[in-house]
Amino acid sequence: MLIQAKWAEPIRSGRVTVLFRRWAAPRVVAGRVYRTGVGRLAVDAVDAVGRITARDARAAGYRTPADAEADLRGDASLPLYRVRVHPVTDPDPRAELAASADLSPDDVAAISARLDRLDRASRSGPWTRATLRLIAERPAVRAGDLAAAVGRETPPFKLDVRKLKNLGLTESLEVGYRLSARGNAYVNSL
């Protein structure tokens, strides 16, 4: 979920607990935690609403419903959703996993098994280890350039890299990716 930087502090401090979005269908799910540009956010509720109330406008950081509506992006014909959120302050399990570079032989085998499953499920064939090596060789390179280097479209390539990130093997940078400490340890074990 994209969130403007101006909302970082109000969301982190708990002063803003509501976001409004125009979506064809909800893009977040209540009960899940999302990584955003302003930190990790838990989504408490997602509701389609007909209008923005004064109370919800204040909870979203606006003085009036008109101020909140004026700041909305997207097609006005799309449904309006109210997303109730709160910041998550406990450590990100993916970051903790990514930092763990001390891999036992069992850890390496478990990672290999997960990567094998991802490769088998792929319509385009095995990709996991080649992608890890590509990121190791070309850190901080735009995703589009990495995807083009292996003859892939950018969106599915980025989705695949996110799968590696969920295993603690890669980290996103401002531009591109790099292997995490765990990812480096795994690649070096191959």
N, C-alpha and C. Protein backbone atom coordinates (compact mmCIF):
# COMPACT_ATOMS: atom_id res chain seq x y z
N MET A 1 0.85 -1.16 0.00
CA MET A 1 0.00 0.00 0.00
C MET A 1 0.90 1.23 0.00
N LEU A 2 0.70 2.08 -0.97
CA LEU A 2 1.50 3.30 -1.06
C LEU A 2 0.94 4.37 -0.14
N ILE A 3 1.83 4.99 0.60
CA ILE A 3 1.43 6.04 1.54
C ILE A 3 2.41 7.18 1.39
N GLN A 4 1.89 8.39 1.26
CA GLN A 4 2.75 9.56 1.10
C GLN A 4 3.61 9.77 2.35
N ALA A 5 4.83 10.24 2.13
CA ALA A 5 5.78 10.45 3.22
C ALA A 5 5.25 11.42 4.28
N LYS A 6 4.40 12.37 3.87
CA LYS A 6 3.89 13.34 4.84
C LYS A 6 3.07 12.68 5.95
N TRP A 7 2.63 11.44 5.72
CA TRP A 7 1.81 10.75 6.72
C TRP A 7 2.64 9.84 7.62
N ALA A 8 3.94 9.75 7.39
CA ALA A 8 4.78 8.82 8.16
C ALA A 8 4.69 9.08 9.66
N GLU A 9 5.01 10.29 10.08
CA GLU A 9 5.02 10.58 11.52
C GLU A 9 3.62 10.49 12.13
N PRO A 10 2.58 11.06 11.50
CA PRO A 10 1.24 10.93 12.09
C PRO A 10 0.77 9.48 12.21
N ILE A 11 1.15 8.63 11.27
CA ILE A 11 0.76 7.22 11.37
C ILE A 11 1.57 6.54 12.45
N ARG A 12 2.88 6.74 12.45
CA ARG A 12 3.75 6.11 13.46
C ARG A 12 3.35 6.50 14.87
N SER A 13 2.93 7.76 15.05
CA SER A 13 2.56 8.24 16.39
C SER A 13 1.15 7.81 16.78
N GLY A 14 0.38 7.28 15.84
CA GLY A 14 -0.98 6.85 16.14
C GLY A 14 -2.02 7.95 16.00
N ARG A 15 -1.59 9.15 15.55
CA ARG A 15 -2.57 10.24 15.36
C ARG A 15 -3.45 9.98 14.14
N VAL A 16 -2.92 9.28 13.13
CA VAL A 16 -3.70 8.91 11.95
C VAL A 16 -3.93 7.41 12.00
N THR A 17 -5.20 7.02 12.01
CA THR A 17 -5.58 5.61 12.11
C THR A 17 -6.48 5.16 10.97
N VAL A 18 -6.78 6.09 10.06
CA VAL A 18 -7.68 5.79 8.93
C VAL A 18 -7.04 6.29 7.65
N LEU A 19 -7.14 5.48 6.60
CA LEU A 19 -6.71 5.88 5.26
C LEU A 19 -7.91 5.68 4.33
N PHE A 20 -7.99 6.50 3.31
CA PHE A 20 -9.04 6.34 2.31
C PHE A 20 -8.42 6.01 0.98
N ARG A 21 -9.06 5.09 0.25
CA ARG A 21 -8.56 4.71 -1.06
C ARG A 21 -9.75 4.49 -2.00
N ARG A 22 -9.52 4.82 -3.28
CA ARG A 22 -10.49 4.49 -4.34
C ARG A 22 -9.92 3.28 -5.07
N TRP A 23 -10.59 2.16 -4.94
CA TRP A 23 -10.14 0.91 -5.55
C TRP A 23 -11.33 0.24 -6.22
N ALA A 24 -11.07 -0.50 -7.28
CA ALA A 24 -12.12 -1.31 -7.89
C ALA A 24 -12.54 -2.42 -6.92
N ALA A 25 -11.56 -2.93 -6.18
CA ALA A 25 -11.78 -3.95 -5.15
C ALA A 25 -10.71 -3.73 -4.08
N PRO A 26 -10.96 -4.15 -2.84
CA PRO A 26 -9.96 -3.94 -1.79
C PRO A 26 -8.61 -4.56 -2.17
N ARG A 27 -7.54 -3.85 -1.87
CA ARG A 27 -6.19 -4.33 -2.16
C ARG A 27 -5.44 -4.74 -0.91
N VAL A 28 -6.08 -4.63 0.23
CA VAL A 28 -5.51 -5.08 1.49
C VAL A 28 -6.56 -5.91 2.21
N VAL A 29 -6.11 -6.69 3.18
CA VAL A 29 -7.00 -7.59 3.90
C VAL A 29 -6.90 -7.30 5.39
N ALA A 30 -8.03 -7.19 6.04
CA ALA A 30 -8.04 -6.97 7.48
C ALA A 30 -7.35 -8.14 8.18
N GLY A 31 -6.55 -7.80 9.19
CA GLY A 31 -5.84 -8.82 9.94
C GLY A 31 -4.42 -9.07 9.46
N ARG A 32 -4.05 -8.48 8.35
CA ARG A 32 -2.69 -8.68 7.83
C ARG A 32 -1.81 -7.48 8.14
N VAL A 33 -0.50 -7.73 8.12
CA VAL A 33 0.49 -6.68 8.33
C VAL A 33 1.18 -6.44 7.00
N TYR A 34 1.32 -5.16 6.64
CA TYR A 34 1.93 -4.79 5.36
C TYR A 34 3.15 -3.93 5.61
N ARG A 35 4.16 -4.15 4.80
CA ARG A 35 5.34 -3.29 4.82
C ARG A 35 5.06 -2.12 3.89
N THR A 36 5.23 -0.91 4.40
CA THR A 36 4.97 0.28 3.61
C THR A 36 6.15 1.22 3.73
N GLY A 37 6.12 2.28 2.98
CA GLY A 37 7.16 3.28 3.05
C GLY A 37 7.21 4.01 4.38
N VAL A 38 6.15 3.91 5.16
CA VAL A 38 6.13 4.56 6.47
C VAL A 38 6.31 3.56 7.60
N GLY A 39 6.63 2.32 7.26
CA GLY A 39 6.82 1.27 8.26
C GLY A 39 5.78 0.18 8.11
N ARG A 40 5.82 -0.75 9.04
CA ARG A 40 4.86 -1.86 9.00
C ARG A 40 3.53 -1.41 9.59
N LEU A 41 2.46 -1.73 8.86
CA LEU A 41 1.11 -1.36 9.30
C LEU A 41 0.23 -2.60 9.37
N ALA A 42 -0.53 -2.69 10.44
CA ALA A 42 -1.55 -3.72 10.56
C ALA A 42 -2.86 -3.13 10.06
N VAL A 43 -3.56 -3.87 9.24
CA VAL A 43 -4.87 -3.43 8.77
C VAL A 43 -5.91 -4.05 9.69
N ASP A 44 -6.66 -3.18 10.36
CA ASP A 44 -7.68 -3.64 11.31
C ASP A 44 -9.03 -3.87 10.64
N ALA A 45 -9.34 -3.07 9.63
CA ALA A 45 -10.63 -3.20 8.94
C ALA A 45 -10.54 -2.52 7.58
N VAL A 46 -11.30 -3.05 6.64
CA VAL A 46 -11.42 -2.46 5.31
C VAL A 46 -12.90 -2.44 4.99
N ASP A 47 -13.45 -1.24 4.82
CA ASP A 47 -14.89 -1.11 4.59
C ASP A 47 -15.16 -0.18 3.42
N ALA A 48 -16.08 -0.60 2.56
CA ALA A 48 -16.56 0.30 1.51
C ALA A 48 -17.48 1.31 2.19
N VAL A 49 -17.28 2.58 1.89
CA VAL A 49 -18.10 3.63 2.50
C VAL A 49 -18.66 4.53 1.40
N GLY A 50 -19.81 5.07 1.65
CA GLY A 50 -20.44 5.96 0.67
C GLY A 50 -19.88 7.37 0.72
N ARG A 51 -19.44 7.76 1.91
CA ARG A 51 -18.91 9.11 2.07
C ARG A 51 -17.96 9.13 3.25
N ILE A 52 -17.21 10.21 3.36
CA ILE A 52 -16.27 10.39 4.46
C ILE A 52 -16.96 11.21 5.54
N THR A 53 -17.04 10.66 6.73
CA THR A 53 -17.65 11.38 7.84
C THR A 53 -16.64 12.34 8.47
N ALA A 54 -17.12 13.28 9.25
CA ALA A 54 -16.25 14.23 9.95
C ALA A 54 -15.30 13.48 10.89
N ARG A 55 -15.83 12.48 11.58
CA ARG A 55 -15.01 11.70 12.52
C ARG A 55 -13.89 10.95 11.78
N ASP A 56 -14.25 10.31 10.65
CA ASP A 56 -13.24 9.58 9.87
C ASP A 56 -12.22 10.53 9.25
N ALA A 57 -12.67 11.70 8.82
CA ALA A 57 -11.74 12.68 8.24
C ALA A 57 -10.69 13.07 9.28
N ARG A 58 -11.12 13.32 10.51
CA ARG A 58 -10.17 13.67 11.58
C ARG A 58 -9.23 12.51 11.88
N ALA A 59 -9.76 11.27 11.88
CA ALA A 59 -8.92 10.09 12.13
C ALA A 59 -7.90 9.89 11.01
N ALA A 60 -8.20 10.43 9.82
CA ALA A 60 -7.29 10.34 8.68
C ALA A 60 -6.35 11.54 8.60
N GLY A 61 -6.45 12.47 9.56
CA GLY A 61 -5.53 13.59 9.61
C GLY A 61 -6.02 14.84 8.90
N TYR A 62 -7.29 14.90 8.57
CA TYR A 62 -7.85 16.06 7.86
C TYR A 62 -8.79 16.82 8.80
N ARG A 63 -8.95 18.11 8.50
CA ARG A 63 -9.87 18.93 9.31
C ARG A 63 -11.31 18.63 8.97
N THR A 64 -11.59 18.40 7.68
CA THR A 64 -12.98 18.22 7.25
C THR A 64 -13.06 17.09 6.22
N PRO A 65 -14.26 16.54 6.02
CA PRO A 65 -14.44 15.55 4.95
C PRO A 65 -14.06 16.11 3.58
N ALA A 66 -14.35 17.39 3.34
CA ALA A 66 -14.00 18.00 2.05
C ALA A 66 -12.49 18.00 1.84
N ASP A 67 -11.72 18.26 2.90
CA ASP A 67 -10.26 18.22 2.79
C ASP A 67 -9.78 16.81 2.44
N ALA A 68 -10.37 15.81 3.08
CA ALA A 68 -10.00 14.42 2.80
C ALA A 68 -10.36 14.05 1.37
N GLU A 69 -11.54 14.43 0.92
CA GLU A 69 -11.97 14.12 -0.45
C GLU A 69 -11.10 14.81 -1.48
N ALA A 70 -10.68 16.03 -1.19
CA ALA A 70 -9.83 16.77 -2.13
C ALA A 70 -8.47 16.11 -2.31
N ASP A 71 -8.03 15.35 -1.32
CA ASP A 71 -6.72 14.71 -1.37
C ASP A 71 -6.78 13.29 -1.95
N LEU A 72 -7.99 12.80 -2.22
CA LEU A 72 -8.12 11.44 -2.77
C LEU A 72 -7.57 11.37 -4.18
N ARG A 73 -6.94 10.25 -4.48
CA ARG A 73 -6.44 10.00 -5.82
C ARG A 73 -7.30 8.93 -6.47
N GLY A 74 -7.16 8.83 -7.77
CA GLY A 74 -7.86 7.77 -8.48
C GLY A 74 -9.17 8.23 -9.07
N ASP A 75 -9.76 7.33 -9.80
CA ASP A 75 -11.01 7.57 -10.52
C ASP A 75 -12.17 7.74 -9.53
N ALA A 76 -12.84 8.86 -9.59
CA ALA A 76 -13.94 9.15 -8.67
C ALA A 76 -15.11 8.18 -8.83
N SER A 77 -15.16 7.44 -9.94
CA SER A 77 -16.25 6.48 -10.12
C SER A 77 -15.98 5.16 -9.38
N LEU A 78 -14.75 4.97 -8.89
CA LEU A 78 -14.43 3.75 -8.15
C LEU A 78 -14.97 3.82 -6.73
N PRO A 79 -15.24 2.66 -6.13
CA PRO A 79 -15.72 2.65 -4.74
C PRO A 79 -14.68 3.27 -3.80
N LEU A 80 -15.18 3.87 -2.74
CA LEU A 80 -14.34 4.48 -1.72
C LEU A 80 -14.22 3.50 -0.55
N TYR A 81 -12.97 3.24 -0.14
CA TYR A 81 -12.72 2.34 0.98
C TYR A 81 -12.06 3.08 2.13
N ARG A 82 -12.54 2.76 3.33
CA ARG A 82 -11.92 3.26 4.56
C ARG A 82 -11.08 2.10 5.12
N VAL A 83 -9.80 2.37 5.34
CA VAL A 83 -8.88 1.36 5.83
C VAL A 83 -8.42 1.80 7.22
N ARG A 84 -8.77 1.03 8.22
CA ARG A 84 -8.33 1.32 9.59
C ARG A 84 -7.01 0.60 9.83
N VAL A 85 -6.00 1.36 10.30
CA VAL A 85 -4.65 0.82 10.46
C VAL A 85 -4.06 1.20 11.81
N HIS A 86 -3.03 0.48 12.18
CA HIS A 86 -2.19 0.90 13.31
C HIS A 86 -0.77 0.44 13.03
N PRO A 87 0.22 1.20 13.54
CA PRO A 87 1.62 0.83 13.30
C PRO A 87 1.98 -0.43 14.07
N VAL A 88 2.85 -1.22 13.48
CA VAL A 88 3.37 -2.42 14.13
C VAL A 88 4.81 -2.11 14.51
N THR A 89 5.11 -2.19 15.79
CA THR A 89 6.43 -1.78 16.26
C THR A 89 7.34 -2.94 16.59
N ASP A 90 6.81 -4.17 16.66
CA ASP A 90 7.69 -5.29 16.95
C ASP A 90 8.59 -5.56 15.75
N PRO A 91 9.71 -6.22 15.96
CA PRO A 91 10.66 -6.44 14.86
C PRO A 91 10.01 -7.21 13.70
N ASP A 92 10.42 -6.86 12.50
CA ASP A 92 9.93 -7.53 11.31
C ASP A 92 10.58 -8.91 11.23
N PRO A 93 9.80 -9.98 11.24
CA PRO A 93 10.39 -11.32 11.20
C PRO A 93 11.25 -11.55 9.95
N ARG A 94 10.87 -10.92 8.83
CA ARG A 94 11.67 -11.09 7.62
C ARG A 94 13.04 -10.44 7.78
N ALA A 95 13.09 -9.29 8.43
CA ALA A 95 14.38 -8.62 8.64
C ALA A 95 15.26 -9.44 9.57
N GLU A 96 14.67 -9.99 10.61
CA GLU A 96 15.44 -10.83 11.53
C GLU A 96 15.96 -12.07 10.81
N LEU A 97 15.11 -12.68 9.99
CA LEU A 97 15.52 -13.86 9.22
C LEU A 97 16.64 -13.49 8.25
N ALA A 98 16.49 -12.37 7.55
CA ALA A 98 17.49 -11.94 6.56
C ALA A 98 18.85 -11.70 7.21
N ALA A 99 18.86 -11.29 8.47
CA ALA A 99 20.12 -10.98 9.15
C ALA A 99 20.83 -12.22 9.67
N SER A 100 20.15 -13.36 9.67
CA SER A 100 20.75 -14.58 10.22
C SER A 100 21.61 -15.28 9.17
N ALA A 101 22.92 -15.11 9.29
CA ALA A 101 23.86 -15.64 8.30
C ALA A 101 24.48 -16.96 8.72
N ASP A 102 24.23 -17.39 9.92
CA ASP A 102 24.83 -18.63 10.41
C ASP A 102 23.91 -19.79 10.03
N LEU A 103 24.17 -20.37 8.86
CA LEU A 103 23.32 -21.44 8.34
C LEU A 103 23.92 -22.81 8.63
N SER A 104 23.11 -23.66 9.23
CA SER A 104 23.52 -25.04 9.44
C SER A 104 23.26 -25.83 8.15
N PRO A 105 23.81 -27.02 8.03
CA PRO A 105 23.47 -27.84 6.86
C PRO A 105 21.96 -28.08 6.73
N ASP A 106 21.27 -28.20 7.86
CA ASP A 106 19.81 -28.37 7.82
C ASP A 106 19.13 -27.11 7.27
N ASP A 107 19.65 -25.94 7.66
CA ASP A 107 19.10 -24.68 7.13
C ASP A 107 19.26 -24.60 5.62
N VAL A 108 20.45 -24.96 5.14
CA VAL A 108 20.72 -24.93 3.70
C VAL A 108 19.79 -25.90 2.98
N ALA A 109 19.61 -27.08 3.54
CA ALA A 109 18.72 -28.07 2.93
C ALA A 109 17.28 -27.57 2.91
N ALA A 110 16.85 -26.92 3.98
CA ALA A 110 15.48 -26.40 4.04
C ALA A 110 15.28 -25.29 3.01
N ILE A 111 16.25 -24.39 2.89
CA ILE A 111 16.15 -23.32 1.89
C ILE A 111 16.12 -23.93 0.49
N SER A 112 16.99 -24.90 0.24
CA SER A 112 17.03 -25.56 -1.07
C SER A 112 15.70 -26.21 -1.39
N ALA A 113 15.09 -26.84 -0.41
CA ALA A 113 13.79 -27.48 -0.63
C ALA A 113 12.73 -26.45 -0.99
N ARG A 114 12.74 -25.31 -0.29
CA ARG A 114 11.77 -24.25 -0.60
C ARG A 114 11.99 -23.70 -2.00
N LEU A 115 13.26 -23.49 -2.37
CA LEU A 115 13.57 -22.97 -3.70
C LEU A 115 13.18 -23.99 -4.77
N ASP A 116 13.40 -25.26 -4.49
CA ASP A 116 13.00 -26.31 -5.44
C ASP A 116 11.49 -26.28 -5.67
N ARG A 117 10.72 -26.08 -4.60
CA ARG A 117 9.25 -26.00 -4.74
C ARG A 117 8.85 -24.80 -5.59
N LEU A 118 9.51 -23.65 -5.35
CA LEU A 118 9.21 -22.46 -6.15
C LEU A 118 9.54 -22.70 -7.62
N ASP A 119 10.66 -23.35 -7.88
CA ASP A 119 11.07 -23.65 -9.26
C ASP A 119 10.06 -24.59 -9.93
N ARG A 120 9.62 -25.61 -9.21
CA ARG A 120 8.66 -26.57 -9.79
C ARG A 120 7.32 -25.90 -10.08
N ALA A 121 6.93 -24.93 -9.26
CA ALA A 121 5.63 -24.26 -9.43
C ALA A 121 5.66 -23.20 -10.52
N SER A 122 6.83 -22.86 -11.00
CA SER A 122 6.97 -21.77 -11.98
C SER A 122 6.61 -22.23 -13.38
N ARG A 123 5.84 -21.40 -14.07
CA ARG A 123 5.49 -21.70 -15.47
C ARG A 123 6.66 -21.45 -16.40
N SER A 124 7.60 -20.61 -15.97
CA SER A 124 8.74 -20.27 -16.83
C SER A 124 9.97 -21.11 -16.53
N GLY A 125 9.85 -22.11 -15.67
CA GLY A 125 10.97 -22.98 -15.37
C GLY A 125 11.77 -22.50 -14.17
N PRO A 126 12.83 -23.22 -13.82
CA PRO A 126 13.64 -22.87 -12.65
C PRO A 126 14.19 -21.44 -12.76
N TRP A 127 14.08 -20.70 -11.68
CA TRP A 127 14.52 -19.30 -11.69
C TRP A 127 15.20 -18.87 -10.40
N THR A 128 15.01 -19.60 -9.32
CA THR A 128 15.40 -19.10 -8.00
C THR A 128 16.90 -18.87 -7.85
N ARG A 129 17.69 -19.88 -8.14
CA ARG A 129 19.13 -19.75 -7.93
C ARG A 129 19.75 -18.79 -8.93
N ALA A 130 19.26 -18.80 -10.17
CA ALA A 130 19.77 -17.85 -11.17
C ALA A 130 19.47 -16.42 -10.74
N THR A 131 18.30 -16.20 -10.16
CA THR A 131 17.94 -14.86 -9.71
C THR A 131 18.80 -14.44 -8.52
N LEU A 132 19.05 -15.36 -7.61
CA LEU A 132 19.94 -15.04 -6.49
C LEU A 132 21.33 -14.67 -6.99
N ARG A 133 21.85 -15.44 -7.93
CA ARG A 133 23.18 -15.13 -8.47
C ARG A 133 23.20 -13.79 -9.20
N LEU A 134 22.13 -13.53 -9.96
CA LEU A 134 22.03 -12.26 -10.69
C LEU A 134 22.05 -11.08 -9.72
N ILE A 135 21.29 -11.18 -8.64
CA ILE A 135 21.26 -10.10 -7.65
C ILE A 135 22.62 -9.98 -6.95
N ALA A 136 23.27 -11.12 -6.70
CA ALA A 136 24.61 -11.08 -6.08
C ALA A 136 25.60 -10.37 -6.99
N GLU A 137 25.51 -10.62 -8.28
CA GLU A 137 26.43 -10.01 -9.24
C GLU A 137 26.10 -8.57 -9.56
N ARG A 138 24.81 -8.20 -9.43
CA ARG A 138 24.38 -6.86 -9.83
C ARG A 138 23.50 -6.20 -8.76
N PRO A 139 24.05 -5.97 -7.58
CA PRO A 139 23.24 -5.31 -6.54
C PRO A 139 22.93 -3.87 -6.94
N ALA A 140 21.82 -3.38 -6.43
CA ALA A 140 21.40 -1.99 -6.64
C ALA A 140 21.15 -1.65 -8.10
N VAL A 141 20.79 -2.65 -8.90
CA VAL A 141 20.43 -2.43 -10.29
C VAL A 141 18.91 -2.48 -10.40
N ARG A 142 18.35 -1.57 -11.20
CA ARG A 142 16.90 -1.50 -11.37
C ARG A 142 16.31 -2.87 -11.71
N ALA A 143 15.14 -3.16 -11.13
CA ALA A 143 14.47 -4.43 -11.38
C ALA A 143 14.20 -4.64 -12.86
N GLY A 144 13.82 -3.59 -13.57
CA GLY A 144 13.57 -3.70 -15.00
C GLY A 144 14.81 -4.12 -15.77
N ASP A 145 15.96 -3.61 -15.37
CA ASP A 145 17.21 -3.98 -16.03
C ASP A 145 17.59 -5.42 -15.72
N LEU A 146 17.38 -5.84 -14.47
CA LEU A 146 17.67 -7.23 -14.10
C LEU A 146 16.74 -8.18 -14.87
N ALA A 147 15.47 -7.84 -14.92
CA ALA A 147 14.49 -8.68 -15.63
C ALA A 147 14.87 -8.80 -17.10
N ALA A 148 15.22 -7.69 -17.71
CA ALA A 148 15.60 -7.69 -19.13
C ALA A 148 16.84 -8.55 -19.36
N ALA A 149 17.75 -8.55 -18.41
CA ALA A 149 18.99 -9.32 -18.55
C ALA A 149 18.73 -10.81 -18.64
N VAL A 150 17.61 -11.26 -18.08
CA VAL A 150 17.27 -12.69 -18.13
C VAL A 150 16.03 -12.94 -19.00
N GLY A 151 15.65 -11.92 -19.81
CA GLY A 151 14.56 -12.09 -20.76
C GLY A 151 13.19 -12.24 -20.12
N ARG A 152 12.96 -11.53 -19.02
CA ARG A 152 11.67 -11.62 -18.33
C ARG A 152 11.00 -10.26 -18.29
N GLU A 153 9.69 -10.27 -18.11
CA GLU A 153 8.92 -9.06 -17.88
C GLU A 153 9.17 -8.60 -16.44
N THR A 154 9.13 -7.30 -16.23
CA THR A 154 9.46 -6.74 -14.91
C THR A 154 8.47 -7.15 -13.81
N PRO A 155 7.14 -7.02 -13.99
CA PRO A 155 6.24 -7.34 -12.87
C PRO A 155 6.38 -8.77 -12.34
N PRO A 156 6.41 -9.81 -13.20
CA PRO A 156 6.59 -11.15 -12.63
C PRO A 156 7.97 -11.35 -12.00
N PHE A 157 8.98 -10.69 -12.56
CA PHE A 157 10.32 -10.78 -11.98
C PHE A 157 10.29 -10.21 -10.56
N LYS A 158 9.68 -9.04 -10.39
CA LYS A 158 9.61 -8.41 -9.07
C LYS A 158 8.84 -9.29 -8.08
N LEU A 159 7.78 -9.91 -8.56
CA LEU A 159 7.00 -10.81 -7.70
C LEU A 159 7.86 -11.98 -7.24
N ASP A 160 8.67 -12.52 -8.16
CA ASP A 160 9.55 -13.62 -7.78
C ASP A 160 10.60 -13.17 -6.77
N VAL A 161 11.17 -11.99 -6.96
CA VAL A 161 12.15 -11.50 -5.99
C VAL A 161 11.50 -11.33 -4.62
N ARG A 162 10.24 -10.92 -4.60
CA ARG A 162 9.52 -10.79 -3.33
C ARG A 162 9.41 -12.15 -2.64
N LYS A 163 9.26 -13.21 -3.40
CA LYS A 163 9.21 -14.56 -2.81
C LYS A 163 10.55 -14.89 -2.15
N LEU A 164 11.63 -14.49 -2.79
CA LEU A 164 12.96 -14.70 -2.19
C LEU A 164 13.13 -13.85 -0.93
N LYS A 165 12.56 -12.65 -0.96
CA LYS A 165 12.63 -11.76 0.20
C LYS A 165 11.86 -12.38 1.37
N ASN A 166 10.72 -13.01 1.07
CA ASN A 166 9.94 -13.65 2.13
C ASN A 166 10.69 -14.79 2.79
N LEU A 167 11.66 -15.36 2.08
CA LEU A 167 12.51 -16.41 2.65
C LEU A 167 13.74 -15.83 3.35
N GLY A 168 13.84 -14.50 3.36
CA GLY A 168 14.96 -13.85 4.02
C GLY A 168 16.24 -13.83 3.20
N LEU A 169 16.13 -14.04 1.89
CA LEU A 169 17.33 -14.15 1.06
C LEU A 169 17.73 -12.86 0.36
N THR A 170 16.79 -11.94 0.17
CA THR A 170 17.09 -10.67 -0.51
C THR A 170 16.56 -9.51 0.30
N GLU A 171 17.06 -8.33 -0.03
CA GLU A 171 16.59 -7.09 0.58
C GLU A 171 16.36 -6.07 -0.52
N SER A 172 15.31 -5.30 -0.37
CA SER A 172 15.02 -4.23 -1.33
C SER A 172 15.85 -3.01 -0.96
N LEU A 173 16.36 -2.35 -1.98
CA LEU A 173 17.08 -1.10 -1.82
C LEU A 173 16.25 0.02 -2.43
N GLU A 174 16.71 1.24 -2.27
CA GLU A 174 16.02 2.37 -2.91
C GLU A 174 15.90 2.11 -4.41
N VAL A 175 16.96 1.57 -5.00
CA VAL A 175 16.95 1.12 -6.39
C VAL A 175 17.48 -0.30 -6.39
N GLY A 176 16.69 -1.24 -6.84
CA GLY A 176 17.13 -2.62 -6.97
C GLY A 176 17.13 -3.39 -5.67
N TYR A 177 17.97 -4.42 -5.65
CA TYR A 177 18.02 -5.36 -4.53
C TYR A 177 19.47 -5.69 -4.20
N ARG A 178 19.63 -6.41 -3.11
CA ARG A 178 20.91 -7.03 -2.77
C ARG A 178 20.57 -8.31 -2.01
N LEU A 179 21.56 -9.19 -1.94
CA LEU A 179 21.37 -10.37 -1.11
C LEU A 179 21.47 -9.95 0.35
N SER A 180 20.66 -10.58 1.17
CA SER A 180 20.76 -10.36 2.61
C SER A 180 21.95 -11.17 3.14
N ALA A 181 22.24 -11.03 4.41
CA ALA A 181 23.30 -11.84 5.01
C ALA A 181 22.96 -13.32 4.86
N ARG A 182 21.70 -13.67 5.05
CA ARG A 182 21.25 -15.06 4.88
C ARG A 182 21.40 -15.49 3.42
N GLY A 183 21.02 -14.61 2.50
CA GLY A 183 21.13 -14.93 1.08
C GLY A 183 22.57 -15.14 0.65
N ASN A 184 23.48 -14.27 1.14
CA ASN A 184 24.90 -14.44 0.85
C ASN A 184 25.42 -15.77 1.38
N ALA A 185 25.04 -16.10 2.62
CA ALA A 185 25.48 -17.35 3.22
C ALA A 185 24.96 -18.54 2.40
N TYR A 186 23.72 -18.45 1.95
CA TYR A 186 23.17 -19.55 1.14
C TYR A 186 23.89 -19.67 -0.20
N VAL A 187 24.05 -18.57 -0.91
CA VAL A 187 24.72 -18.60 -2.22
C VAL A 187 26.14 -19.12 -2.06
N ASN A 188 26.83 -18.71 -1.01
CA ASN A 188 28.20 -19.18 -0.78
C ASN A 188 28.26 -20.66 -0.45
N SER A 189 27.15 -21.22 0.04
CA SER A 189 27.12 -22.64 0.37
C SER A 189 26.90 -23.52 -0.85
N LEU A 190 26.52 -22.93 -1.97
CA LEU A 190 26.20 -23.73 -3.16
C LEU A 190 27.46 -24.24 -3.84
